Amino acid sequence: MTAELGGAGAYVLLGSIGADQTVALAALQAWQAGSQFGGGGATLFMLGLFAAGVFSRALPAWLSWSALALGIAELTQFGFYASMLALLWTAVAGIVLSVGPLDRAPTGRADLARPPRA
């Protein structure tokens, strides 16, 4: 029910600009298809964060794997709830990354040559 109400805003907007001759019909159809099939922007974002975390270790492992879980959950019937959890995930990730250890980034040429500590 909530997902249908959330999607209603896009249809109201499409209906109000549908009679406008300056908007291409293909653009209206693309917007309608994107709103009907979920758009996918948040899903791609979460899957990209998962890839960045796993393959380049840009994020802690638990943040990376939870991003994968949320990205997949956004493709299911519980996508609305997953998108709400993604907002919470973003807040938690921002806090974790901002208060994390400062010794991760190399500060000079000697630090670049030294292997990272385990």
PDB file of N, CA and C in Angstrom:
ATOM      1  N   MET A   1       0.823  -1.194   0.000  1.00  0.00           N
ATOM      2  CA  MET A   1       0.000   0.000   0.000  1.00  0.00           C
ATOM      3  C   MET A   1       0.867   1.257   0.000  1.00  0.00           C
ATOM      4  N   THR A   2       1.890   1.262   0.821  1.00  0.00           N
ATOM      5  CA  THR A   2       2.745   2.437   0.909  1.00  0.00           C
ATOM      6  C   THR A   2       3.484   2.681  -0.398  1.00  0.00           C
ATOM      7  N   ALA A   3       3.912   1.602  -1.054  1.00  0.00           N
ATOM      8  CA  ALA A   3       4.630   1.758  -2.319  1.00  0.00           C
ATOM      9  C   ALA A   3       3.725   2.368  -3.389  1.00  0.00           C
ATOM     10  N   GLU A   4       2.467   1.975  -3.393  1.00  0.00           N
ATOM     11  CA  GLU A   4       1.538   2.556  -4.365  1.00  0.00           C
ATOM     12  C   GLU A   4       1.307   4.038  -4.110  1.00  0.00           C
ATOM     13  N   LEU A   5       1.202   4.418  -2.855  1.00  0.00           N
ATOM     14  CA  LEU A   5       1.011   5.833  -2.531  1.00  0.00           C
ATOM     15  C   LEU A   5       2.265   6.634  -2.862  1.00  0.00           C
ATOM     16  N   GLY A   6       3.434   6.047  -2.640  1.00  0.00           N
ATOM     17  CA  GLY A   6       4.681   6.735  -2.961  1.00  0.00           C
ATOM     18  C   GLY A   6       4.837   6.948  -4.449  1.00  0.00           C
ATOM     19  N   GLY A   7       4.381   5.999  -5.251  1.00  0.00           N
ATOM     20  CA  GLY A   7       4.481   6.112  -6.701  1.00  0.00           C
ATOM     21  C   GLY A   7       3.433   7.016  -7.308  1.00  0.00           C
ATOM     22  N   ALA A   8       2.417   7.362  -6.533  1.00  0.00           N
ATOM     23  CA  ALA A   8       1.342   8.192  -7.068  1.00  0.00           C
ATOM     24  C   ALA A   8       1.824   9.587  -7.434  1.00  0.00           C
ATOM     25  N   GLY A   9       2.809  10.098  -6.731  1.00  0.00           N
ATOM     26  CA  GLY A   9       3.319  11.434  -7.026  1.00  0.00           C
ATOM     27  C   GLY A   9       3.876  11.541  -8.431  1.00  0.00           C
ATOM     28  N   ALA A  10       4.550  10.499  -8.878  1.00  0.00           N
ATOM     29  CA  ALA A  10       5.101  10.512 -10.240  1.00  0.00           C
ATOM     30  C   ALA A  10       3.993  10.537 -11.270  1.00  0.00           C
ATOM     31  N   TYR A  11       2.913   9.807 -11.023  1.00  0.00           N
ATOM     32  CA  TYR A  11       1.809   9.773 -11.989  1.00  0.00           C
ATOM     33  C   TYR A  11       1.031  11.083 -12.010  1.00  0.00           C
ATOM     34  N   VAL A  12       0.914  11.734 -10.864  1.00  0.00           N
ATOM     35  CA  VAL A  12       0.270  13.044 -10.829  1.00  0.00           C
ATOM     36  C   VAL A  12       1.093  14.042 -11.637  1.00  0.00           C
ATOM     37  N   LEU A  13       2.395  14.000 -11.472  1.00  0.00           N
ATOM     38  CA  LEU A  13       3.276  14.886 -12.228  1.00  0.00           C
ATOM     39  C   LEU A  13       3.203  14.579 -13.727  1.00  0.00           C
ATOM     40  N   LEU A  14       3.227  13.300 -14.074  1.00  0.00           N
ATOM     41  CA  LEU A  14       3.126  12.932 -15.492  1.00  0.00           C
ATOM     42  C   LEU A  14       1.804  13.401 -16.093  1.00  0.00           C
ATOM     43  N   GLY A  15       0.741  13.279 -15.328  1.00  0.00           N
ATOM     44  CA  GLY A  15      -0.557  13.729 -15.824  1.00  0.00           C
ATOM     45  C   GLY A  15      -0.625  15.234 -16.001  1.00  0.00           C
ATOM     46  N   SER A  16       0.025  15.967 -15.098  1.00  0.00           N
ATOM     47  CA  SER A  16      -0.049  17.426 -15.191  1.00  0.00           C
ATOM     48  C   SER A  16       0.799  17.983 -16.328  1.00  0.00           C
ATOM     49  N   ILE A  17       1.909  17.309 -16.693  1.00  0.00           N
ATOM     50  CA  ILE A  17       2.731  17.820 -17.784  1.00  0.00           C
ATOM     51  C   ILE A  17       2.498  17.058 -19.082  1.00  0.00           C
ATOM     52  N   GLY A  18       1.586  16.096 -19.062  1.00  0.00           N
ATOM     53  CA  GLY A  18       1.327  15.296 -20.254  1.00  0.00           C
ATOM     54  C   GLY A  18       0.765  16.096 -21.413  1.00  0.00           C
ATOM     55  N   ALA A  19       0.023  17.151 -21.126  1.00  0.00           N
ATOM     56  CA  ALA A  19      -0.579  17.960 -22.193  1.00  0.00           C
ATOM     57  C   ALA A  19       0.375  19.041 -22.705  1.00  0.00           C
ATOM     58  N   ASP A  20       1.510  19.203 -22.067  1.00  0.00           N
ATOM     59  CA  ASP A  20       2.487  20.208 -22.470  1.00  0.00           C
ATOM     60  C   ASP A  20       3.166  19.771 -23.773  1.00  0.00           C
ATOM     61  N   GLN A  21       3.109  20.596 -24.792  1.00  0.00           N
ATOM     62  CA  GLN A  21       3.654  20.244 -26.097  1.00  0.00           C
ATOM     63  C   GLN A  21       5.173  20.325 -26.151  1.00  0.00           C
ATOM     64  N   THR A  22       5.804  20.972 -25.159  1.00  0.00           N
ATOM     65  CA  THR A  22       7.260  21.101 -25.184  1.00  0.00           C
ATOM     66  C   THR A  22       7.976  19.877 -24.617  1.00  0.00           C
ATOM     67  N   VAL A  23       7.246  18.982 -23.975  1.00  0.00           N
ATOM     68  CA  VAL A  23       7.835  17.769 -23.411  1.00  0.00           C
ATOM     69  C   VAL A  23       7.642  16.634 -24.406  1.00  0.00           C
ATOM     70  N   ALA A  24       8.726  15.974 -24.756  1.00  0.00           N
ATOM     71  CA  ALA A  24       8.665  14.886 -25.734  1.00  0.00           C
ATOM     72  C   ALA A  24       7.916  13.690 -25.153  1.00  0.00           C
ATOM     73  N   LEU A  25       7.170  13.019 -26.015  1.00  0.00           N
ATOM     74  CA  LEU A  25       6.409  11.850 -25.597  1.00  0.00           C
ATOM     75  C   LEU A  25       7.346  10.742 -25.096  1.00  0.00           C
ATOM     76  N   ALA A  26       8.496  10.589 -25.730  1.00  0.00           N
ATOM     77  CA  ALA A  26       9.460   9.563 -25.307  1.00  0.00           C
ATOM     78  C   ALA A  26       9.975   9.836 -23.899  1.00  0.00           C
ATOM     79  N   ALA A  27      10.152  11.113 -23.546  1.00  0.00           N
ATOM     80  CA  ALA A  27      10.608  11.461 -22.199  1.00  0.00           C
ATOM     81  C   ALA A  27       9.550  11.094 -21.166  1.00  0.00           C
ATOM     82  N   LEU A  28       8.290  11.343 -21.479  1.00  0.00           N
ATOM     83  CA  LEU A  28       7.215  10.958 -20.559  1.00  0.00           C
ATOM     84  C   LEU A  28       7.143   9.444 -20.390  1.00  0.00           C
ATOM     85  N   GLN A  29       7.311   8.720 -21.485  1.00  0.00           N
ATOM     86  CA  GLN A  29       7.274   7.260 -21.405  1.00  0.00           C
ATOM     87  C   GLN A  29       8.451   6.726 -20.594  1.00  0.00           C
ATOM     88  N   ALA A  30       9.624   7.306 -20.768  1.00  0.00           N
ATOM     89  CA  ALA A  30      10.795   6.869 -20.009  1.00  0.00           C
ATOM     90  C   ALA A  30      10.612   7.146 -18.521  1.00  0.00           C
ATOM     91  N   TRP A  31      10.042   8.285 -18.192  1.00  0.00           N
ATOM     92  CA  TRP A  31       9.809   8.624 -16.799  1.00  0.00           C
ATOM     93  C   TRP A  31       8.797   7.656 -16.184  1.00  0.00           C
ATOM     94  N   GLN A  32       7.748   7.340 -16.924  1.00  0.00           N
ATOM     95  CA  GLN A  32       6.739   6.409 -16.434  1.00  0.00           C
ATOM     96  C   GLN A  32       7.332   5.019 -16.232  1.00  0.00           C
ATOM     97  N   ALA A  33       8.139   4.555 -17.166  1.00  0.00           N
ATOM     98  CA  ALA A  33       8.756   3.234 -17.029  1.00  0.00           C
ATOM     99  C   ALA A  33       9.714   3.212 -15.845  1.00  0.00           C
ATOM    100  N   GLY A  34      10.469   4.288 -15.659  1.00  0.00           N
ATOM    101  CA  GLY A  34      11.385   4.356 -14.532  1.00  0.00           C
ATOM    102  C   GLY A  34      10.675   4.347 -13.197  1.00  0.00           C
ATOM    103  N   SER A  35       9.543   5.030 -13.108  1.00  0.00           N
ATOM    104  CA  SER A  35       8.810   5.044 -11.844  1.00  0.00           C
ATOM    105  C   SER A  35       8.071   3.733 -11.620  1.00  0.00           C
ATOM    106  N   GLN A  36       7.651   3.091 -12.702  1.00  0.00           N
ATOM    107  CA  GLN A  36       6.919   1.833 -12.557  1.00  0.00           C
ATOM    108  C   GLN A  36       7.843   0.687 -12.161  1.00  0.00           C
ATOM    109  N   PHE A  37       9.056   0.678 -12.695  1.00  0.00           N
ATOM    110  CA  PHE A  37       9.967  -0.428 -12.440  1.00  0.00           C
ATOM    111  C   PHE A  37      11.022  -0.091 -11.404  1.00  0.00           C
ATOM    112  N   GLY A  38      10.826   0.958 -10.635  1.00  0.00           N
ATOM    113  CA  GLY A  38      11.682   1.246  -9.502  1.00  0.00           C
ATOM    114  C   GLY A  38      12.856   2.166  -9.747  1.00  0.00           C
ATOM    115  N   GLY A  39      13.140   2.513 -10.964  1.00  0.00           N
ATOM    116  CA  GLY A  39      14.241   3.431 -11.220  1.00  0.00           C
ATOM    117  C   GLY A  39      15.599   2.774 -11.130  1.00  0.00           C
ATOM    118  N   GLY A  40      15.920   2.175 -10.025  1.00  0.00           N
ATOM    119  CA  GLY A  40      17.162   1.439  -9.870  1.00  0.00           C
ATOM    120  C   GLY A  40      18.354   2.249  -9.419  1.00  0.00           C
ATOM    121  N   GLY A  41      18.194   3.532  -9.190  1.00  0.00           N
ATOM    122  CA  GLY A  41      19.333   4.356  -8.805  1.00  0.00           C
ATOM    123  C   GLY A  41      19.937   3.951  -7.474  1.00  0.00           C
ATOM    124  N   ALA A  42      19.110   3.746  -6.472  1.00  0.00           N
ATOM    125  CA  ALA A  42      19.615   3.367  -5.155  1.00  0.00           C
ATOM    126  C   ALA A  42      20.207   1.965  -5.179  1.00  0.00           C
ATOM    127  N   THR A  43      19.623   1.087  -5.976  1.00  0.00           N
ATOM    128  CA  THR A  43      20.146  -0.275  -6.086  1.00  0.00           C
ATOM    129  C   THR A  43      21.553  -0.256  -6.681  1.00  0.00           C
ATOM    130  N   LEU A  44      21.723   0.494  -7.752  1.00  0.00           N
ATOM    131  CA  LEU A  44      23.048   0.591  -8.369  1.00  0.00           C
ATOM    132  C   LEU A  44      24.056   1.240  -7.425  1.00  0.00           C
ATOM    133  N   PHE A  45      23.604   2.222  -6.667  1.00  0.00           N
ATOM    134  CA  PHE A  45      24.476   2.882  -5.700  1.00  0.00           C
ATOM    135  C   PHE A  45      24.956   1.894  -4.646  1.00  0.00           C
ATOM    136  N   MET A  46      24.049   1.119  -4.091  1.00  0.00           N
ATOM    137  CA  MET A  46      24.418   0.154  -3.061  1.00  0.00           C
ATOM    138  C   MET A  46      25.318  -0.947  -3.611  1.00  0.00           C
ATOM    139  N   LEU A  47      25.021  -1.422  -4.807  1.00  0.00           N
ATOM    140  CA  LEU A  47      25.860  -2.457  -5.406  1.00  0.00           C
ATOM    141  C   LEU A  47      27.244  -1.903  -5.746  1.00  0.00           C
ATOM    142  N   GLY A  48      27.319  -0.645  -6.139  1.00  0.00           N
ATOM    143  CA  GLY A  48      28.607  -0.006  -6.384  1.00  0.00           C
ATOM    144  C   GLY A  48      29.409   0.147  -5.100  1.00  0.00           C
ATOM    145  N   LEU A  49      28.738   0.486  -4.015  1.00  0.00           N
ATOM    146  CA  LEU A  49      29.427   0.578  -2.730  1.00  0.00           C
ATOM    147  C   LEU A  49      29.926  -0.785  -2.272  1.00  0.00           C
ATOM    148  N   PHE A  50      29.141  -1.820  -2.534  1.00  0.00           N
ATOM    149  CA  PHE A  50      29.591  -3.169  -2.209  1.00  0.00           C
ATOM    150  C   PHE A  50      30.864  -3.510  -2.976  1.00  0.00           C
ATOM    151  N   ALA A  51      30.867  -3.227  -4.267  1.00  0.00           N
ATOM    152  CA  ALA A  51      32.034  -3.531  -5.097  1.00  0.00           C
ATOM    153  C   ALA A  51      33.258  -2.729  -4.634  1.00  0.00           C
ATOM    154  N   ALA A  52      33.063  -1.464  -4.317  1.00  0.00           N
ATOM    155  CA  ALA A  52      34.177  -0.633  -3.852  1.00  0.00           C
ATOM    156  C   ALA A  52      34.723  -1.139  -2.524  1.00  0.00           C
ATOM    157  N   GLY A  53      33.847  -1.598  -1.678  1.00  0.00           N
ATOM    158  CA  GLY A  53      34.289  -2.090  -0.379  1.00  0.00           C
ATOM    159  C   GLY A  53      34.995  -3.424  -0.444  1.00  0.00           C
ATOM    160  N   VAL A  54      34.498  -4.321  -1.285  1.00  0.00           N
ATOM    161  CA  VAL A  54      35.077  -5.659  -1.357  1.00  0.00           C
ATOM    162  C   VAL A  54      36.348  -5.687  -2.195  1.00  0.00           C
ATOM    163  N   PHE A  55      36.321  -5.037  -3.334  1.00  0.00           N
ATOM    164  CA  PHE A  55      37.446  -5.153  -4.251  1.00  0.00           C
ATOM    165  C   PHE A  55      38.583  -4.183  -3.963  1.00  0.00           C
ATOM    166  N   SER A  56      38.284  -3.006  -3.413  1.00  0.00           N
ATOM    167  CA  SER A  56      39.371  -2.067  -3.128  1.00  0.00           C
ATOM    168  C   SER A  56      39.499  -1.749  -1.643  1.00  0.00           C
ATOM    169  N   ARG A  57      38.688  -2.386  -0.825  1.00  0.00           N
ATOM    170  CA  ARG A  57      38.723  -2.188   0.626  1.00  0.00           C
ATOM    171  C   ARG A  57      38.521  -0.728   1.017  1.00  0.00           C
ATOM    172  N   ALA A  58      37.681  -0.030   0.250  1.00  0.00           N
ATOM    173  CA  ALA A  58      37.390   1.372   0.544  1.00  0.00           C
ATOM    174  C   ALA A  58      36.449   1.510   1.739  1.00  0.00           C
ATOM    175  N   LEU A  59      35.693   0.453   2.041  1.00  0.00           N
ATOM    176  CA  LEU A  59      34.770   0.445   3.169  1.00  0.00           C
ATOM    177  C   LEU A  59      35.080  -0.750   4.057  1.00  0.00           C
ATOM    178  N   PRO A  60      34.708  -0.667   5.331  1.00  0.00           N
ATOM    179  CA  PRO A  60      34.822  -1.860   6.166  1.00  0.00           C
ATOM    180  C   PRO A  60      33.961  -2.995   5.594  1.00  0.00           C
ATOM    181  N   ALA A  61      34.376  -4.218   5.855  1.00  0.00           N
ATOM    182  CA  ALA A  61      33.690  -5.382   5.272  1.00  0.00           C
ATOM    183  C   ALA A  61      32.215  -5.436   5.664  1.00  0.00           C
ATOM    184  N   TRP A  62      31.894  -5.121   6.917  1.00  0.00           N
ATOM    185  CA  TRP A  62      30.495  -5.219   7.332  1.00  0.00           C
ATOM    186  C   TRP A  62      29.624  -4.172   6.637  1.00  0.00           C
ATOM    187  N   LEU A  63      30.184  -3.016   6.309  1.00  0.00           N
ATOM    188  CA  LEU A  63      29.426  -2.026   5.549  1.00  0.00           C
ATOM    189  C   LEU A  63      29.234  -2.481   4.110  1.00  0.00           C
ATOM    190  N   SER A  64      30.251  -3.101   3.540  1.00  0.00           N
ATOM    191  CA  SER A  64      30.165  -3.568   2.148  1.00  0.00           C
ATOM    192  C   SER A  64      29.111  -4.648   1.996  1.00  0.00           C
ATOM    193  N   TRP A  65      29.150  -5.639   2.869  1.00  0.00           N
ATOM    194  CA  TRP A  65      28.200  -6.750   2.737  1.00  0.00           C
ATOM    195  C   TRP A  65      26.779  -6.315   3.081  1.00  0.00           C
ATOM    196  N   SER A  66      26.621  -5.387   4.001  1.00  0.00           N
ATOM    197  CA  SER A  66      25.271  -4.889   4.277  1.00  0.00           C
ATOM    198  C   SER A  66      24.753  -4.054   3.108  1.00  0.00           C
ATOM    199  N   ALA A  67      25.647  -3.383   2.384  1.00  0.00           N
ATOM    200  CA  ALA A  67      25.224  -2.654   1.177  1.00  0.00           C
ATOM    201  C   ALA A  67      24.730  -3.624   0.112  1.00  0.00           C
ATOM    202  N   LEU A  68      25.382  -4.770  -0.010  1.00  0.00           N
ATOM    203  CA  LEU A  68      24.914  -5.788  -0.957  1.00  0.00           C
ATOM    204  C   LEU A  68      23.532  -6.291  -0.571  1.00  0.00           C
ATOM    205  N   ALA A  69      23.337  -6.559   0.713  1.00  0.00           N
ATOM    206  CA  ALA A  69      22.031  -7.039   1.172  1.00  0.00           C
ATOM    207  C   ALA A  69      20.938  -6.007   0.897  1.00  0.00           C
ATOM    208  N   LEU A  70      21.224  -4.740   1.152  1.00  0.00           N
ATOM    209  CA  LEU A  70      20.230  -3.698   0.893  1.00  0.00           C
ATOM    210  C   LEU A  70      19.987  -3.516  -0.598  1.00  0.00           C
ATOM    211  N   GLY A  71      21.045  -3.603  -1.397  1.00  0.00           N
ATOM    212  CA  GLY A  71      20.888  -3.480  -2.847  1.00  0.00           C
ATOM    213  C   GLY A  71      20.000  -4.569  -3.419  1.00  0.00           C
ATOM    214  N   ILE A  72      20.184  -5.787  -2.949  1.00  0.00           N
ATOM    215  CA  ILE A  72      19.337  -6.891  -3.414  1.00  0.00           C
ATOM    216  C   ILE A  72      17.921  -6.745  -2.866  1.00  0.00           C
ATOM    217  N   ALA A  73      17.793  -6.329  -1.619  1.00  0.00           N
ATOM    218  CA  ALA A  73      16.464  -6.170  -1.013  1.00  0.00           C
ATOM    219  C   ALA A  73      15.640  -5.103  -1.731  1.00  0.00           C
ATOM    220  N   GLU A  74      16.301  -4.107  -2.316  1.00  0.00           N
ATOM    221  CA  GLU A  74      15.560  -3.070  -3.030  1.00  0.00           C
ATOM    222  C   GLU A  74      14.923  -3.591  -4.316  1.00  0.00           C
ATOM    223  N   LEU A  75      15.360  -4.755  -4.773  1.00  0.00           N
ATOM    224  CA  LEU A  75      14.769  -5.350  -5.970  1.00  0.00           C
ATOM    225  C   LEU A  75      13.581  -6.243  -5.655  1.00  0.00           C
ATOM    226  N   THR A  76      13.301  -6.466  -4.392  1.00  0.00           N
ATOM    227  CA  THR A  76      12.215  -7.353  -3.992  1.00  0.00           C
ATOM    228  C   THR A  76      10.954  -6.554  -3.706  1.00  0.00           C
ATOM    229  N   GLN A  77       9.950  -7.258  -3.229  1.00  0.00           N
ATOM    230  CA  GLN A  77       8.695  -6.586  -2.888  1.00  0.00           C
ATOM    231  C   GLN A  77       8.825  -5.711  -1.642  1.00  0.00           C
ATOM    232  N   PHE A  78       9.922  -5.854  -0.922  1.00  0.00           N
ATOM    233  CA  PHE A  78      10.162  -5.043   0.265  1.00  0.00           C
ATOM    234  C   PHE A  78      11.100  -3.878  -0.043  1.00  0.00           C
ATOM    235  N   GLY A  79      11.122  -3.436  -1.281  1.00  0.00           N
ATOM    236  CA  GLY A  79      12.018  -2.377  -1.716  1.00  0.00           C
ATOM    237  C   GLY A  79      11.824  -1.066  -0.980  1.00  0.00           C
ATOM    238  N   PHE A  80      10.580  -0.760  -0.634  1.00  0.00           N
ATOM    239  CA  PHE A  80      10.325   0.485   0.100  1.00  0.00           C
ATOM    240  C   PHE A  80      11.019   0.461   1.453  1.00  0.00           C
ATOM    241  N   TYR A  81      10.891  -0.644   2.163  1.00  0.00           N
ATOM    242  CA  TYR A  81      11.519  -0.760   3.478  1.00  0.00           C
ATOM    243  C   TYR A  81      13.041  -0.798   3.351  1.00  0.00           C
ATOM    244  N   ALA A  82      13.524  -1.425   2.302  1.00  0.00           N
ATOM    245  CA  ALA A  82      14.968  -1.452   2.067  1.00  0.00           C
ATOM    246  C   ALA A  82      15.501  -0.049   1.793  1.00  0.00           C
ATOM    247  N   SER A  83      14.724   0.765   1.080  1.00  0.00           N
ATOM    248  CA  SER A  83      15.177   2.136   0.822  1.00  0.00           C
ATOM    249  C   SER A  83      15.193   2.963   2.108  1.00  0.00           C
ATOM    250  N   MET A  84      14.285   2.685   3.025  1.00  0.00           N
ATOM    251  CA  MET A  84      14.327   3.367   4.321  1.00  0.00           C
ATOM    252  C   MET A  84      15.554   2.919   5.125  1.00  0.00           C
ATOM    253  N   LEU A  85      15.859   1.626   5.062  1.00  0.00           N
ATOM    254  CA  LEU A  85      17.059   1.139   5.734  1.00  0.00           C
ATOM    255  C   LEU A  85      18.327   1.683   5.076  1.00  0.00           C
ATOM    256  N   ALA A  86      18.264   1.936   3.773  1.00  0.00           N
ATOM    257  CA  ALA A  86      19.418   2.504   3.077  1.00  0.00           C
ATOM    258  C   ALA A  86      19.715   3.910   3.589  1.00  0.00           C
ATOM    259  N   LEU A  87      18.695   4.657   3.944  1.00  0.00           N
ATOM    260  CA  LEU A  87      18.922   5.974   4.548  1.00  0.00           C
ATOM    261  C   LEU A  87      19.630   5.836   5.893  1.00  0.00           C
ATOM    262  N   LEU A  88      19.178   4.886   6.695  1.00  0.00           N
ATOM    263  CA  LEU A  88      19.836   4.626   7.968  1.00  0.00           C
ATOM    264  C   LEU A  88      21.270   4.135   7.742  1.00  0.00           C
ATOM    265  N   TRP A  89      21.470   3.266   6.742  1.00  0.00           N
ATOM    266  CA  TRP A  89      22.802   2.759   6.404  1.00  0.00           C
ATOM    267  C   TRP A  89      23.731   3.909   6.040  1.00  0.00           C
ATOM    268  N   THR A  90      23.215   4.873   5.276  1.00  0.00           N
ATOM    269  CA  THR A  90      24.020   6.016   4.865  1.00  0.00           C
ATOM    270  C   THR A  90      24.461   6.847   6.071  1.00  0.00           C
ATOM    271  N   ALA A  91      23.563   7.045   7.020  1.00  0.00           N
ATOM    272  CA  ALA A  91      23.908   7.803   8.225  1.00  0.00           C
ATOM    273  C   ALA A  91      24.959   7.062   9.045  1.00  0.00           C
ATOM    274  N   VAL A  92      24.768   5.760   9.220  1.00  0.00           N
ATOM    275  CA  VAL A  92      25.729   4.970   9.994  1.00  0.00           C
ATOM    276  C   VAL A  92      27.083   4.940   9.291  1.00  0.00           C
ATOM    277  N   ALA A  93      27.079   4.740   7.975  1.00  0.00           N
ATOM    278  CA  ALA A  93      28.341   4.705   7.222  1.00  0.00           C
ATOM    279  C   ALA A  93      29.060   6.041   7.311  1.00  0.00           C
ATOM    280  N   GLY A  94      28.331   7.136   7.251  1.00  0.00           N
ATOM    281  CA  GLY A  94      28.950   8.453   7.370  1.00  0.00           C
ATOM    282  C   GLY A  94      29.618   8.652   8.711  1.00  0.00           C
ATOM    283  N   ILE A  95      28.957   8.198   9.776  1.00  0.00           N
ATOM    284  CA  ILE A  95      29.533   8.325  11.115  1.00  0.00           C
ATOM    285  C   ILE A  95      30.754   7.430  11.256  1.00  0.00           C
ATOM    286  N   VAL A  96      30.633   6.180  10.800  1.00  0.00           N
ATOM    287  CA  VAL A  96      31.746   5.237  10.926  1.00  0.00           C
ATOM    288  C   VAL A  96      32.965   5.722  10.149  1.00  0.00           C
ATOM    289  N   LEU A  97      32.744   6.213   8.948  1.00  0.00           N
ATOM    290  CA  LEU A  97      33.868   6.644   8.131  1.00  0.00           C
ATOM    291  C   LEU A  97      34.473   7.963   8.619  1.00  0.00           C
ATOM    292  N   SER A  98      33.676   8.796   9.260  1.00  0.00           N
ATOM    293  CA  SER A  98      34.224  10.069   9.730  1.00  0.00           C
ATOM    294  C   SER A  98      34.955   9.944  11.059  1.00  0.00           C
ATOM    295  N   VAL A  99      34.599   8.994  11.898  1.00  0.00           N
ATOM    296  CA  VAL A  99      35.287   8.830  13.177  1.00  0.00           C
ATOM    297  C   VAL A  99      36.247   7.653  13.160  1.00  0.00           C
ATOM    298  N   GLY A 100      36.466   7.067  11.992  1.00  0.00           N
ATOM    299  CA  GLY A 100      37.384   5.937  11.870  1.00  0.00           C
ATOM    300  C   GLY A 100      38.815   6.337  12.145  1.00  0.00           C
ATOM    301  N   PRO A 101      39.701   5.364  12.185  1.00  0.00           N
ATOM    302  CA  PRO A 101      41.110   5.666  12.462  1.00  0.00           C
ATOM    303  C   PRO A 101      41.709   6.545  11.371  1.00  0.00           C
ATOM    304  N   LEU A 102      42.523   7.496  11.808  1.00  0.00           N
ATOM    305  CA  LEU A 102      43.112   8.438  10.870  1.00  0.00           C
ATOM    306  C   LEU A 102      44.385   7.914  10.230  1.00  0.00           C
ATOM    307  N   ASP A 103      44.930   6.794  10.704  1.00  0.00           N
ATOM    308  CA  ASP A 103      46.196   6.293  10.186  1.00  0.00           C
ATOM    309  C   ASP A 103      46.032   5.436   8.939  1.00  0.00           C
ATOM    310  N   ARG A 104      44.842   5.402   8.347  1.00  0.00           N
ATOM    311  CA  ARG A 104      44.622   4.617   7.136  1.00  0.00           C
ATOM    312  C   ARG A 104      45.279   5.250   5.919  1.00  0.00           C
ATOM    313  N   ALA A 105      45.234   6.565   5.818  1.00  0.00           N
ATOM    314  CA  ALA A 105      45.762   7.253   4.642  1.00  0.00           C
ATOM    315  C   ALA A 105      47.252   7.491   4.790  1.00  0.00           C
ATOM    316  N   PRO A 106      48.029   7.204   3.749  1.00  0.00           N
ATOM    317  CA  PRO A 106      49.463   7.487   3.826  1.00  0.00           C
ATOM    318  C   PRO A 106      49.706   8.990   3.872  1.00  0.00           C
ATOM    319  N   THR A 107      50.692   9.402   4.674  1.00  0.00           N
ATOM    320  CA  THR A 107      50.954  10.834   4.832  1.00  0.00           C
ATOM    321  C   THR A 107      52.209  11.284   4.115  1.00  0.00           C
ATOM    322  N   GLY A 108      53.050  10.375   3.707  1.00  0.00           N
ATOM    323  CA  GLY A 108      54.281  10.769   3.029  1.00  0.00           C
ATOM    324  C   GLY A 108      54.839   9.632   2.191  1.00  0.00           C
ATOM    325  N   ARG A 109      55.971   9.895   1.568  1.00  0.00           N
ATOM    326  CA  ARG A 109      56.582   8.909   0.679  1.00  0.00           C
ATOM    327  C   ARG A 109      57.004   7.653   1.427  1.00  0.00           C
ATOM    328  N   ALA A 110      57.518   7.798   2.649  1.00  0.00           N
ATOM    329  CA  ALA A 110      57.943   6.632   3.429  1.00  0.00           C
ATOM    330  C   ALA A 110      56.747   5.758   3.801  1.00  0.00           C
ATOM    331  N   ASP A 111      55.602   6.389   4.038  1.00  0.00           N
ATOM    332  CA  ASP A 111      54.405   5.611   4.376  1.00  0.00           C
ATOM    333  C   ASP A 111      53.903   4.801   3.199  1.00  0.00           C
ATOM    334  N   LEU A 112      54.127   5.294   1.997  1.00  0.00           N
ATOM    335  CA  LEU A 112      53.685   4.563   0.822  1.00  0.00           C
ATOM    336  C   LEU A 112      54.509   3.290   0.616  1.00  0.00           C
ATOM    337  N   ALA A 113      55.791   3.328   0.975  1.00  0.00           N
ATOM    338  CA  ALA A 113      56.659   2.184   0.770  1.00  0.00           C
ATOM    339  C   ALA A 113      56.463   1.118   1.840  1.00  0.00           C
ATOM    340  N   ARG A 114      56.007   1.506   3.008  1.00  0.00           N
ATOM    341  CA  ARG A 114      55.827   0.568   4.109  1.00  0.00           C
ATOM    342  C   ARG A 114      54.562  -0.248   3.895  1.00  0.00           C
ATOM    343  N   PRO A 115      54.611  -1.578   4.053  1.00  0.00           N
ATOM    344  CA  PRO A 115      53.396  -2.389   3.877  1.00  0.00           C
ATOM    345  C   PRO A 115      52.389  -2.080   4.975  1.00  0.00           C
ATOM    346  N   PRO A 116      51.099  -2.205   4.669  1.00  0.00           N
ATOM    347  CA  PRO A 116      50.084  -1.915   5.678  1.00  0.00           C
ATOM    348  C   PRO A 116      50.120  -2.937   6.821  1.00  0.00           C
ATOM    349  N   ARG A 117      49.741  -2.465   8.001  1.00  0.00           N
ATOM    350  CA  ARG A 117      49.671  -3.353   9.157  1.00  0.00           C
ATOM    351  C   ARG A 117      48.406  -4.182   9.097  1.00  0.00           C
ATOM    352  N   ALA A 118      48.487  -5.392   9.581  1.00  0.00           N
ATOM    353  CA  ALA A 118      47.325  -6.295   9.547  1.00  0.00           C
ATOM    354  C   ALA A 118      46.422  -6.067  10.737  1.00  0.00           C
TER     355      ALA A 118
END
